[in-house]
Amino acid sequence: MTKAELVEDVARAAELTKKDAERLVEIVFESIIETLNHGEKIELRGFGSFRVRERGARRGRNPKTGDPVSIPAKRVPYFKPGKELKELINDDNSNATSTSNNSSTLADNRQPPVL
């Protein structure tokens, strides 16, 4: 799913204009980024959590020349899916494979969660 498709889904589900839905999606993304930049974690119950992990400086090698390269320390965003999300994903996969010819299954009628 692309950001544009997400905006379309939000607009349709919340009965908003695409412009308002796009701004809403932008606000959510900006809020997540700002919170992570402050070193805080974000926990969305039933969905998952976003955190920032610290990676220390290390020595690497240039794959082309084999020369040692110094890799600086950095902060990396990390997403850990929640238990409910994992279960929904696994339930959808098992329903989709076992009843792929039946178009009216519960798995086909579920809507993805909207942030």
PDB file of N, CA and C in Angstrom:
ATOM      1  N   MET A   1       0.848  -1.176   0.000  1.00  0.00           N
ATOM      2  CA  MET A   1       0.000   0.000   0.000  1.00  0.00           C
ATOM      3  C   MET A   1       0.891   1.234   0.000  1.00  0.00           C
ATOM      4  N   THR A   2       0.557   2.171  -0.829  1.00  0.00           N
ATOM      5  CA  THR A   2       1.308   3.417  -0.882  1.00  0.00           C
ATOM      6  C   THR A   2       0.628   4.456   0.009  1.00  0.00           C
ATOM      7  N   LYS A   3       1.319   5.561   0.211  1.00  0.00           N
ATOM      8  CA  LYS A   3       0.765   6.639   1.015  1.00  0.00           C
ATOM      9  C   LYS A   3      -0.523   7.176   0.368  1.00  0.00           C
ATOM     10  N   ALA A   4      -0.538   7.284  -0.952  1.00  0.00           N
ATOM     11  CA  ALA A   4      -1.727   7.769  -1.660  1.00  0.00           C
ATOM     12  C   ALA A   4      -2.904   6.823  -1.450  1.00  0.00           C
ATOM     13  N   GLU A   5      -2.645   5.518  -1.469  1.00  0.00           N
ATOM     14  CA  GLU A   5      -3.716   4.546  -1.225  1.00  0.00           C
ATOM     15  C   GLU A   5      -4.215   4.631   0.211  1.00  0.00           C
ATOM     16  N   LEU A   6      -3.310   4.874   1.146  1.00  0.00           N
ATOM     17  CA  LEU A   6      -3.700   5.055   2.541  1.00  0.00           C
ATOM     18  C   LEU A   6      -4.601   6.272   2.678  1.00  0.00           C
ATOM     19  N   VAL A   7      -4.236   7.369   2.020  1.00  0.00           N
ATOM     20  CA  VAL A   7      -5.046   8.587   2.060  1.00  0.00           C
ATOM     21  C   VAL A   7      -6.439   8.307   1.503  1.00  0.00           C
ATOM     22  N   GLU A   8      -6.519   7.578   0.404  1.00  0.00           N
ATOM     23  CA  GLU A   8      -7.820   7.237  -0.186  1.00  0.00           C
ATOM     24  C   GLU A   8      -8.664   6.406   0.775  1.00  0.00           C
ATOM     25  N   ASP A   9      -8.049   5.428   1.438  1.00  0.00           N
ATOM     26  CA  ASP A   9      -8.774   4.598   2.393  1.00  0.00           C
ATOM     27  C   ASP A   9      -9.276   5.417   3.575  1.00  0.00           C
ATOM     28  N   VAL A  10      -8.437   6.308   4.089  1.00  0.00           N
ATOM     29  CA  VAL A  10      -8.839   7.159   5.215  1.00  0.00           C
ATOM     30  C   VAL A  10      -9.977   8.075   4.790  1.00  0.00           C
ATOM     31  N   ALA A  11      -9.874   8.668   3.613  1.00  0.00           N
ATOM     32  CA  ALA A  11     -10.922   9.565   3.118  1.00  0.00           C
ATOM     33  C   ALA A  11     -12.250   8.828   2.996  1.00  0.00           C
ATOM     34  N   ARG A  12     -12.203   7.620   2.480  1.00  0.00           N
ATOM     35  CA  ARG A  12     -13.418   6.826   2.288  1.00  0.00           C
ATOM     36  C   ARG A  12     -13.995   6.401   3.640  1.00  0.00           C
ATOM     37  N   ALA A  13     -13.148   5.910   4.544  1.00  0.00           N
ATOM     38  CA  ALA A  13     -13.627   5.398   5.831  1.00  0.00           C
ATOM     39  C   ALA A  13     -14.153   6.503   6.736  1.00  0.00           C
ATOM     40  N   ALA A  14     -13.508   7.668   6.721  1.00  0.00           N
ATOM     41  CA  ALA A  14     -13.905   8.767   7.605  1.00  0.00           C
ATOM     42  C   ALA A  14     -14.820   9.771   6.911  1.00  0.00           C
ATOM     43  N   GLU A  15     -15.154   9.497   5.652  1.00  0.00           N
ATOM     44  CA  GLU A  15     -15.992  10.394   4.856  1.00  0.00           C
ATOM     45  C   GLU A  15     -15.434  11.814   4.848  1.00  0.00           C
ATOM     46  N   LEU A  16     -14.146  11.910   4.518  1.00  0.00           N
ATOM     47  CA  LEU A  16     -13.451  13.187   4.412  1.00  0.00           C
ATOM     48  C   LEU A  16     -13.065  13.431   2.964  1.00  0.00           C
ATOM     49  N   THR A  17     -12.707  14.679   2.670  1.00  0.00           N
ATOM     50  CA  THR A  17     -12.151  14.956   1.351  1.00  0.00           C
ATOM     51  C   THR A  17     -10.740  14.390   1.317  1.00  0.00           C
ATOM     52  N   LYS A  18     -10.218  14.149   0.119  1.00  0.00           N
ATOM     53  CA  LYS A  18      -8.852  13.627   0.012  1.00  0.00           C
ATOM     54  C   LYS A  18      -7.859  14.601   0.625  1.00  0.00           C
ATOM     55  N   LYS A  19      -8.097  15.887   0.469  1.00  0.00           N
ATOM     56  CA  LYS A  19      -7.189  16.898   1.021  1.00  0.00           C
ATOM     57  C   LYS A  19      -7.155  16.820   2.548  1.00  0.00           C
ATOM     58  N   ASP A  20      -8.334  16.694   3.172  1.00  0.00           N
ATOM     59  CA  ASP A  20      -8.390  16.584   4.634  1.00  0.00           C
ATOM     60  C   ASP A  20      -7.766  15.268   5.103  1.00  0.00           C
ATOM     61  N   ALA A  21      -8.031  14.187   4.388  1.00  0.00           N
ATOM     62  CA  ALA A  21      -7.463  12.887   4.755  1.00  0.00           C
ATOM     63  C   ALA A  21      -5.950  12.909   4.612  1.00  0.00           C
ATOM     64  N   GLU A  22      -5.449  13.559   3.557  1.00  0.00           N
ATOM     65  CA  GLU A  22      -4.002  13.645   3.366  1.00  0.00           C
ATOM     66  C   GLU A  22      -3.358  14.417   4.511  1.00  0.00           C
ATOM     67  N   ARG A  23      -3.984  15.500   4.933  1.00  0.00           N
ATOM     68  CA  ARG A  23      -3.449  16.285   6.056  1.00  0.00           C
ATOM     69  C   ARG A  23      -3.472  15.461   7.340  1.00  0.00           C
ATOM     70  N   LEU A  24      -4.526  14.684   7.536  1.00  0.00           N
ATOM     71  CA  LEU A  24      -4.636  13.831   8.714  1.00  0.00           C
ATOM     72  C   LEU A  24      -3.514  12.798   8.747  1.00  0.00           C
ATOM     73  N   VAL A  25      -3.263  12.154   7.620  1.00  0.00           N
ATOM     74  CA  VAL A  25      -2.183  11.167   7.524  1.00  0.00           C
ATOM     75  C   VAL A  25      -0.836  11.843   7.776  1.00  0.00           C
ATOM     76  N   GLU A  26      -0.634  13.025   7.209  1.00  0.00           N
ATOM     77  CA  GLU A  26       0.612  13.775   7.426  1.00  0.00           C
ATOM     78  C   GLU A  26       0.803  14.096   8.904  1.00  0.00           C
ATOM     79  N   ILE A  27      -0.258  14.518   9.580  1.00  0.00           N
ATOM     80  CA  ILE A  27      -0.170  14.855  11.009  1.00  0.00           C
ATOM     81  C   ILE A  27       0.237  13.630  11.818  1.00  0.00           C
ATOM     82  N   VAL A  28      -0.346  12.466  11.496  1.00  0.00           N
ATOM     83  CA  VAL A  28       0.005  11.238  12.216  1.00  0.00           C
ATOM     84  C   VAL A  28       1.478  10.898  11.999  1.00  0.00           C
ATOM     85  N   PHE A  29       1.927  10.943  10.731  1.00  0.00           N
ATOM     86  CA  PHE A  29       3.330  10.633  10.440  1.00  0.00           C
ATOM     87  C   PHE A  29       4.268  11.626  11.124  1.00  0.00           C
ATOM     88  N   GLU A  30       3.954  12.919  11.058  1.00  0.00           N
ATOM     89  CA  GLU A  30       4.796  13.937  11.692  1.00  0.00           C
ATOM     90  C   GLU A  30       4.867  13.727  13.189  1.00  0.00           C
ATOM     91  N   SER A  31       3.738  13.362  13.797  1.00  0.00           N
ATOM     92  CA  SER A  31       3.703  13.111  15.236  1.00  0.00           C
ATOM     93  C   SER A  31       4.581  11.915  15.611  1.00  0.00           C
ATOM     94  N   ILE A  32       4.520  10.849  14.820  1.00  0.00           N
ATOM     95  CA  ILE A  32       5.359   9.675  15.064  1.00  0.00           C
ATOM     96  C   ILE A  32       6.830  10.048  14.954  1.00  0.00           C
ATOM     97  N   ILE A  33       7.192  10.765  13.892  1.00  0.00           N
ATOM     98  CA  ILE A  33       8.589  11.150  13.673  1.00  0.00           C
ATOM     99  C   ILE A  33       9.088  12.052  14.798  1.00  0.00           C
ATOM    100  N   GLU A  34       8.286  13.034  15.179  1.00  0.00           N
ATOM    101  CA  GLU A  34       8.689  13.966  16.241  1.00  0.00           C
ATOM    102  C   GLU A  34       8.890  13.239  17.569  1.00  0.00           C
ATOM    103  N   THR A  35       7.971  12.331  17.888  1.00  0.00           N
ATOM    104  CA  THR A  35       8.079  11.570  19.134  1.00  0.00           C
ATOM    105  C   THR A  35       9.333  10.707  19.142  1.00  0.00           C
ATOM    106  N   LEU A  36       9.623  10.041  18.035  1.00  0.00           N
ATOM    107  CA  LEU A  36      10.828   9.209  17.955  1.00  0.00           C
ATOM    108  C   LEU A  36      12.091  10.060  18.024  1.00  0.00           C
ATOM    109  N   ASN A  37      12.064  11.252  17.428  1.00  0.00           N
ATOM    110  CA  ASN A  37      13.215  12.147  17.488  1.00  0.00           C
ATOM    111  C   ASN A  37      13.514  12.610  18.906  1.00  0.00           C
ATOM    112  N   HIS A  38      12.495  12.652  19.753  1.00  0.00           N
ATOM    113  CA  HIS A  38      12.696  13.023  21.158  1.00  0.00           C
ATOM    114  C   HIS A  38      13.115  11.839  22.017  1.00  0.00           C
ATOM    115  N   GLY A  39      13.312  10.690  21.387  1.00  0.00           N
ATOM    116  CA  GLY A  39      13.773   9.509  22.112  1.00  0.00           C
ATOM    117  C   GLY A  39      12.674   8.756  22.825  1.00  0.00           C
ATOM    118  N   GLU A  40      11.429   9.106  22.567  1.00  0.00           N
ATOM    119  CA  GLU A  40      10.308   8.427  23.214  1.00  0.00           C
ATOM    120  C   GLU A  40       9.826   7.273  22.343  1.00  0.00           C
ATOM    121  N   LYS A  41       9.115   6.350  22.965  1.00  0.00           N
ATOM    122  CA  LYS A  41       8.544   5.241  22.202  1.00  0.00           C
ATOM    123  C   LYS A  41       7.051   5.481  22.010  1.00  0.00           C
ATOM    124  N   ILE A  42       6.495   4.834  21.001  1.00  0.00           N
ATOM    125  CA  ILE A  42       5.080   4.953  20.693  1.00  0.00           C
ATOM    126  C   ILE A  42       4.481   3.560  20.770  1.00  0.00           C
ATOM    127  N   GLU A  43       3.439   3.402  21.573  1.00  0.00           N
ATOM    128  CA  GLU A  43       2.770   2.114  21.694  1.00  0.00           C
ATOM    129  C   GLU A  43       1.325   2.273  21.267  1.00  0.00           C
ATOM    130  N   LEU A  44       0.941   1.553  20.235  1.00  0.00           N
ATOM    131  CA  LEU A  44      -0.430   1.550  19.746  1.00  0.00           C
ATOM    132  C   LEU A  44      -1.008   0.178  20.057  1.00  0.00           C
ATOM    133  N   ARG A  45      -1.801   0.093  21.111  1.00  0.00           N
ATOM    134  CA  ARG A  45      -2.334  -1.190  21.577  1.00  0.00           C
ATOM    135  C   ARG A  45      -3.037  -1.931  20.447  1.00  0.00           C
ATOM    136  N   GLY A  46      -2.725  -3.193  20.300  1.00  0.00           N
ATOM    137  CA  GLY A  46      -3.330  -4.015  19.274  1.00  0.00           C
ATOM    138  C   GLY A  46      -2.667  -3.882  17.918  1.00  0.00           C
ATOM    139  N   PHE A  47      -1.781  -2.908  17.762  1.00  0.00           N
ATOM    140  CA  PHE A  47      -1.106  -2.710  16.477  1.00  0.00           C
ATOM    141  C   PHE A  47       0.379  -2.987  16.595  1.00  0.00           C
ATOM    142  N   GLY A  48       1.058  -2.259  17.483  1.00  0.00           N
ATOM    143  CA  GLY A  48       2.485  -2.466  17.668  1.00  0.00           C
ATOM    144  C   GLY A  48       3.135  -1.261  18.299  1.00  0.00           C
ATOM    145  N   SER A  49       4.458  -1.267  18.332  1.00  0.00           N
ATOM    146  CA  SER A  49       5.182  -0.155  18.937  1.00  0.00           C
ATOM    147  C   SER A  49       6.342   0.270  18.050  1.00  0.00           C
ATOM    148  N   PHE A  50       6.606   1.558  18.087  1.00  0.00           N
ATOM    149  CA  PHE A  50       7.729   2.151  17.371  1.00  0.00           C
ATOM    150  C   PHE A  50       8.754   2.569  18.409  1.00  0.00           C
ATOM    151  N   ARG A  51      10.007   2.268  18.136  1.00  0.00           N
ATOM    152  CA  ARG A  51      11.097   2.646  19.029  1.00  0.00           C
ATOM    153  C   ARG A  51      12.295   3.055  18.199  1.00  0.00           C
ATOM    154  N   VAL A  52      13.259   3.671  18.853  1.00  0.00           N
ATOM    155  CA  VAL A  52      14.524   4.010  18.196  1.00  0.00           C
ATOM    156  C   VAL A  52      15.607   3.190  18.867  1.00  0.00           C
ATOM    157  N   ARG A  53      16.384   2.502  18.064  1.00  0.00           N
ATOM    158  CA  ARG A  53      17.517   1.726  18.580  1.00  0.00           C
ATOM    159  C   ARG A  53      18.804   2.464  18.251  1.00  0.00           C
ATOM    160  N   GLU A  54      19.729   2.391  19.187  1.00  0.00           N
ATOM    161  CA  GLU A  54      21.044   3.006  18.997  1.00  0.00           C
ATOM    162  C   GLU A  54      21.998   1.960  18.428  1.00  0.00           C
ATOM    163  N   ARG A  55      22.653   2.289  17.363  1.00  0.00           N
ATOM    164  CA  ARG A  55      23.697   1.419  16.810  1.00  0.00           C
ATOM    165  C   ARG A  55      25.030   2.103  17.036  1.00  0.00           C
ATOM    166  N   GLY A  56      25.918   1.403  17.657  1.00  0.00           N
ATOM    167  CA  GLY A  56      27.231   1.956  17.964  1.00  0.00           C
ATOM    168  C   GLY A  56      28.118   2.057  16.732  1.00  0.00           C
ATOM    169  N   ALA A  57      29.164   2.849  16.863  1.00  0.00           N
ATOM    170  CA  ALA A  57      30.141   2.959  15.778  1.00  0.00           C
ATOM    171  C   ALA A  57      30.852   1.616  15.620  1.00  0.00           C
ATOM    172  N   ARG A  58      31.244   1.317  14.398  1.00  0.00           N
ATOM    173  CA  ARG A  58      31.922   0.043  14.160  1.00  0.00           C
ATOM    174  C   ARG A  58      32.825   0.160  12.940  1.00  0.00           C
ATOM    175  N   ARG A  59      33.631  -0.857  12.771  1.00  0.00           N
ATOM    176  CA  ARG A  59      34.514  -0.935  11.603  1.00  0.00           C
ATOM    177  C   ARG A  59      33.874  -1.864  10.588  1.00  0.00           C
ATOM    178  N   GLY A  60      33.852  -1.432   9.341  1.00  0.00           N
ATOM    179  CA  GLY A  60      33.330  -2.260   8.276  1.00  0.00           C
ATOM    180  C   GLY A  60      34.366  -2.358   7.173  1.00  0.00           C
ATOM    181  N   ARG A  61      33.992  -2.984   6.098  1.00  0.00           N
ATOM    182  CA  ARG A  61      34.905  -3.104   4.959  1.00  0.00           C
ATOM    183  C   ARG A  61      34.193  -2.680   3.688  1.00  0.00           C
ATOM    184  N   ASN A  62      34.921  -1.972   2.850  1.00  0.00           N
ATOM    185  CA  ASN A  62      34.422  -1.617   1.535  1.00  0.00           C
ATOM    186  C   ASN A  62      34.390  -2.912   0.727  1.00  0.00           C
ATOM    187  N   PRO A  63      33.206  -3.338   0.248  1.00  0.00           N
ATOM    188  CA  PRO A  63      33.139  -4.624  -0.447  1.00  0.00           C
ATOM    189  C   PRO A  63      33.908  -4.648  -1.771  1.00  0.00           C
ATOM    190  N   LYS A  64      34.103  -3.492  -2.352  1.00  0.00           N
ATOM    191  CA  LYS A  64      34.790  -3.452  -3.641  1.00  0.00           C
ATOM    192  C   LYS A  64      36.305  -3.548  -3.478  1.00  0.00           C
ATOM    193  N   THR A  65      36.836  -2.794  -2.512  1.00  0.00           N
ATOM    194  CA  THR A  65      38.292  -2.751  -2.351  1.00  0.00           C
ATOM    195  C   THR A  65      38.795  -3.575  -1.174  1.00  0.00           C
ATOM    196  N   GLY A  66      37.917  -3.842  -0.199  1.00  0.00           N
ATOM    197  CA  GLY A  66      38.341  -4.573   0.989  1.00  0.00           C
ATOM    198  C   GLY A  66      38.965  -3.679   2.035  1.00  0.00           C
ATOM    199  N   ASP A  67      39.080  -2.371   1.753  1.00  0.00           N
ATOM    200  CA  ASP A  67      39.666  -1.438   2.721  1.00  0.00           C
ATOM    201  C   ASP A  67      38.744  -1.268   3.924  1.00  0.00           C
ATOM    202  N   PRO A  68      39.320  -1.114   5.118  1.00  0.00           N
ATOM    203  CA  PRO A  68      38.502  -0.867   6.309  1.00  0.00           C
ATOM    204  C   PRO A  68      37.831   0.502   6.218  1.00  0.00           C
ATOM    205  N   VAL A  69      36.597   0.556   6.701  1.00  0.00           N
ATOM    206  CA  VAL A  69      35.820   1.788   6.686  1.00  0.00           C
ATOM    207  C   VAL A  69      35.243   1.990   8.078  1.00  0.00           C
ATOM    208  N   SER A  70      35.279   3.230   8.547  1.00  0.00           N
ATOM    209  CA  SER A  70      34.705   3.549   9.838  1.00  0.00           C
ATOM    210  C   SER A  70      33.229   3.898   9.649  1.00  0.00           C
ATOM    211  N   ILE A  71      32.338   3.167  10.319  1.00  0.00           N
ATOM    212  CA  ILE A  71      30.902   3.416  10.233  1.00  0.00           C
ATOM    213  C   ILE A  71      30.478   4.111  11.527  1.00  0.00           C
ATOM    214  N   PRO A  72      29.939   5.333  11.427  1.00  0.00           N
ATOM    215  CA  PRO A  72      29.596   6.082  12.635  1.00  0.00           C
ATOM    216  C   PRO A  72      28.364   5.521  13.346  1.00  0.00           C
ATOM    217  N   ALA A  73      28.213   5.890  14.616  1.00  0.00           N
ATOM    218  CA  ALA A  73      27.033   5.495  15.385  1.00  0.00           C
ATOM    219  C   ALA A  73      25.813   6.171  14.779  1.00  0.00           C
ATOM    220  N   LYS A  74      24.662   5.505  14.907  1.00  0.00           N
ATOM    221  CA  LYS A  74      23.446   6.106  14.385  1.00  0.00           C
ATOM    222  C   LYS A  74      22.239   5.578  15.136  1.00  0.00           C
ATOM    223  N   ARG A  75      21.126   6.277  14.962  1.00  0.00           N
ATOM    224  CA  ARG A  75      19.853   5.877  15.545  1.00  0.00           C
ATOM    225  C   ARG A  75      18.979   5.325  14.424  1.00  0.00           C
ATOM    226  N   VAL A  76      18.335   4.187  14.686  1.00  0.00           N
ATOM    227  CA  VAL A  76      17.548   3.513  13.661  1.00  0.00           C
ATOM    228  C   VAL A  76      16.128   3.280  14.181  1.00  0.00           C
ATOM    229  N   PRO A  77      15.091   3.698  13.408  1.00  0.00           N
ATOM    230  CA  PRO A  77      13.720   3.416  13.841  1.00  0.00           C
ATOM    231  C   PRO A  77      13.423   1.930  13.730  1.00  0.00           C
ATOM    232  N   TYR A  78      12.596   1.442  14.631  1.00  0.00           N
ATOM    233  CA  TYR A  78      12.280   0.019  14.700  1.00  0.00           C
ATOM    234  C   TYR A  78      10.797  -0.143  15.017  1.00  0.00           C
ATOM    235  N   PHE A  79      10.122  -1.025  14.305  1.00  0.00           N
ATOM    236  CA  PHE A  79       8.720  -1.325  14.572  1.00  0.00           C
ATOM    237  C   PHE A  79       8.591  -2.770  15.035  1.00  0.00           C
ATOM    238  N   LYS A  80       7.877  -2.957  16.131  1.00  0.00           N
ATOM    239  CA  LYS A  80       7.614  -4.301  16.637  1.00  0.00           C
ATOM    240  C   LYS A  80       6.105  -4.506  16.617  1.00  0.00           C
ATOM    241  N   PRO A  81       5.617  -5.441  15.790  1.00  0.00           N
ATOM    242  CA  PRO A  81       4.170  -5.655  15.711  1.00  0.00           C
ATOM    243  C   PRO A  81       3.615  -6.219  17.017  1.00  0.00           C
ATOM    244  N   GLY A  82       2.382  -5.831  17.329  1.00  0.00           N
ATOM    245  CA  GLY A  82       1.717  -6.314  18.521  1.00  0.00           C
ATOM    246  C   GLY A  82       1.119  -7.695  18.323  1.00  0.00           C
ATOM    247  N   LYS A  83       0.743  -8.306  19.420  1.00  0.00           N
ATOM    248  CA  LYS A  83       0.197  -9.661  19.387  1.00  0.00           C
ATOM    249  C   LYS A  83      -1.071  -9.734  18.539  1.00  0.00           C
ATOM    250  N   GLU A  84      -1.965  -8.765  18.703  1.00  0.00           N
ATOM    251  CA  GLU A  84      -3.224  -8.785  17.955  1.00  0.00           C
ATOM    252  C   GLU A  84      -2.976  -8.643  16.455  1.00  0.00           C
ATOM    253  N   LEU A  85      -2.041  -7.794  16.056  1.00  0.00           N
ATOM    254  CA  LEU A  85      -1.721  -7.632  14.638  1.00  0.00           C
ATOM    255  C   LEU A  85      -1.172  -8.929  14.063  1.00  0.00           C
ATOM    256  N   LYS A  86      -0.271  -9.570  14.801  1.00  0.00           N
ATOM    257  CA  LYS A  86       0.281 -10.849  14.353  1.00  0.00           C
ATOM    258  C   LYS A  86      -0.828 -11.883  14.166  1.00  0.00           C
ATOM    259  N   GLU A  87      -1.760 -11.926  15.120  1.00  0.00           N
ATOM    260  CA  GLU A  87      -2.859 -12.890  15.030  1.00  0.00           C
ATOM    261  C   GLU A  87      -3.754 -12.587  13.836  1.00  0.00           C
ATOM    262  N   LEU A  88      -4.059 -11.318  13.600  1.00  0.00           N
ATOM    263  CA  LEU A  88      -4.893 -10.939  12.459  1.00  0.00           C
ATOM    264  C   LEU A  88      -4.222 -11.308  11.144  1.00  0.00           C
ATOM    265  N   ILE A  89      -2.915 -11.092  11.062  1.00  0.00           N
ATOM    266  CA  ILE A  89      -2.176 -11.430   9.845  1.00  0.00           C
ATOM    267  C   ILE A  89      -2.205 -12.936   9.625  1.00  0.00           C
ATOM    268  N   ASN A  90      -1.953 -13.704  10.674  1.00  0.00           N
ATOM    269  CA  ASN A  90      -1.941 -15.155  10.556  1.00  0.00           C
ATOM    270  C   ASN A  90      -3.331 -15.719  10.290  1.00  0.00           C
ATOM    271  N   ASP A  91      -4.370 -15.148  10.903  1.00  0.00           N
ATOM    272  CA  ASP A  91      -5.740 -15.588  10.635  1.00  0.00           C
ATOM    273  C   ASP A  91      -6.102 -15.320   9.188  1.00  0.00           C
ATOM    274  N   ASP A  92      -5.739 -14.152   8.666  1.00  0.00           N
ATOM    275  CA  ASP A  92      -6.045 -13.805   7.276  1.00  0.00           C
ATOM    276  C   ASP A  92      -5.363 -14.766   6.314  1.00  0.00           C
ATOM    277  N   ASN A  93      -4.106 -15.118   6.583  1.00  0.00           N
ATOM    278  CA  ASN A  93      -3.379 -16.029   5.695  1.00  0.00           C
ATOM    279  C   ASN A  93      -4.010 -17.415   5.684  1.00  0.00           C
ATOM    280  N   SER A  94      -4.391 -17.916   6.846  1.00  0.00           N
ATOM    281  CA  SER A  94      -4.970 -19.253   6.886  1.00  0.00           C
ATOM    282  C   SER A  94      -6.347 -19.265   6.237  1.00  0.00           C
ATOM    283  N   ASN A  95      -7.135 -18.219   6.415  1.00  0.00           N
ATOM    284  CA  ASN A  95      -8.450 -18.143   5.771  1.00  0.00           C
ATOM    285  C   ASN A  95      -8.315 -17.960   4.273  1.00  0.00           C
ATOM    286  N   ALA A  96      -7.357 -17.174   3.846  1.00  0.00           N
ATOM    287  CA  ALA A  96      -7.202 -16.896   2.414  1.00  0.00           C
ATOM    288  C   ALA A  96      -6.749 -18.139   1.657  1.00  0.00           C
ATOM    289  N   THR A  97      -5.888 -18.935   2.268  1.00  0.00           N
ATOM    290  CA  THR A  97      -5.395 -20.116   1.555  1.00  0.00           C
ATOM    291  C   THR A  97      -6.398 -21.255   1.581  1.00  0.00           C
ATOM    292  N   SER A  98      -7.142 -21.406   2.675  1.00  0.00           N
ATOM    293  CA  SER A  98      -8.058 -22.536   2.770  1.00  0.00           C
ATOM    294  C   SER A  98      -9.371 -22.275   2.055  1.00  0.00           C
ATOM    295  N   THR A  99      -9.753 -21.010   1.897  1.00  0.00           N
ATOM    296  CA  THR A  99     -11.029 -20.695   1.252  1.00  0.00           C
ATOM    297  C   THR A  99     -10.838 -19.649   0.167  1.00  0.00           C
ATOM    298  N   SER A 100      -9.824 -19.827  -0.653  1.00  0.00           N
ATOM    299  CA  SER A 100      -9.498 -18.823  -1.660  1.00  0.00           C
ATOM    300  C   SER A 100     -10.572 -18.694  -2.732  1.00  0.00           C
ATOM    301  N   ASN A 101     -11.416 -19.704  -2.935  1.00  0.00           N
ATOM    302  CA  ASN A 101     -12.452 -19.633  -3.955  1.00  0.00           C
ATOM    303  C   ASN A 101     -13.737 -18.996  -3.441  1.00  0.00           C
ATOM    304  N   ASN A 102     -13.881 -18.846  -2.135  1.00  0.00           N
ATOM    305  CA  ASN A 102     -15.081 -18.276  -1.552  1.00  0.00           C
ATOM    306  C   ASN A 102     -14.869 -16.788  -1.329  1.00  0.00           C
ATOM    307  N   SER A 103     -15.550 -15.949  -2.077  1.00  0.00           N
ATOM    308  CA  SER A 103     -15.311 -14.504  -2.014  1.00  0.00           C
ATOM    309  C   SER A 103     -15.996 -13.837  -0.845  1.00  0.00           C
ATOM    310  N   SER A 104     -16.825 -14.550  -0.101  1.00  0.00           N
ATOM    311  CA  SER A 104     -17.539 -13.917   1.005  1.00  0.00           C
ATOM    312  C   SER A 104     -16.987 -14.324   2.361  1.00  0.00           C
ATOM    313  N   THR A 105     -15.727 -14.695   2.435  1.00  0.00           N
ATOM    314  CA  THR A 105     -15.138 -15.091   3.713  1.00  0.00           C
ATOM    315  C   THR A 105     -14.896 -13.875   4.581  1.00  0.00           C
ATOM    316  N   LEU A 106     -14.756 -14.125   5.860  1.00  0.00           N
ATOM    317  CA  LEU A 106     -14.474 -13.059   6.811  1.00  0.00           C
ATOM    318  C   LEU A 106     -13.173 -12.352   6.467  1.00  0.00           C
ATOM    319  N   ALA A 107     -12.176 -13.111   6.037  1.00  0.00           N
ATOM    320  CA  ALA A 107     -10.878 -12.523   5.706  1.00  0.00           C
ATOM    321  C   ALA A 107     -11.005 -11.516   4.570  1.00  0.00           C
ATOM    322  N   ASP A 108     -11.866 -11.788   3.602  1.00  0.00           N
ATOM    323  CA  ASP A 108     -12.034 -10.877   2.481  1.00  0.00           C
ATOM    324  C   ASP A 108     -12.793  -9.619   2.875  1.00  0.00           C
ATOM    325  N   ASN A 109     -13.627  -9.700   3.912  1.00  0.00           N
ATOM    326  CA  ASN A 109     -14.442  -8.573   4.303  1.00  0.00           C
ATOM    327  C   ASN A 109     -13.797  -7.681   5.361  1.00  0.00           C
ATOM    328  N   ARG A 110     -12.681  -8.101   5.917  1.00  0.00           N
ATOM    329  CA  ARG A 110     -11.993  -7.290   6.928  1.00  0.00           C
ATOM    330  C   ARG A 110     -11.344  -6.085   6.285  1.00  0.00           C
ATOM    331  N   GLN A 111     -11.402  -4.988   6.987  1.00  0.00           N
ATOM    332  CA  GLN A 111     -10.746  -3.771   6.537  1.00  0.00           C
ATOM    333  C   GLN A 111      -9.452  -3.616   7.318  1.00  0.00           C
ATOM    334  N   PRO A 112      -8.382  -3.100   6.693  1.00  0.00           N
ATOM    335  CA  PRO A 112      -7.138  -2.887   7.427  1.00  0.00           C
ATOM    336  C   PRO A 112      -7.335  -1.810   8.476  1.00  0.00           C
ATOM    337  N   PRO A 113      -6.588  -1.876   9.573  1.00  0.00           N
ATOM    338  CA  PRO A 113      -6.723  -0.847  10.620  1.00  0.00           C
ATOM    339  C   PRO A 113      -6.288   0.508  10.086  1.00  0.00           C
ATOM    340  N   VAL A 114      -6.995   1.532  10.501  1.00  0.00           N
ATOM    341  CA  VAL A 114      -6.662   2.897  10.112  1.00  0.00           C
ATOM    342  C   VAL A 114      -6.001   3.563  11.297  1.00  0.00           C
ATOM    343  N   LEU A 115      -4.832   4.147  11.071  1.00  0.00           N
ATOM    344  CA  LEU A 115      -4.089   4.804  12.156  1.00  0.00           C
ATOM    345  C   LEU A 115      -4.740   6.088  12.548  1.00  0.00           C
TER     346      LEU A 115
END
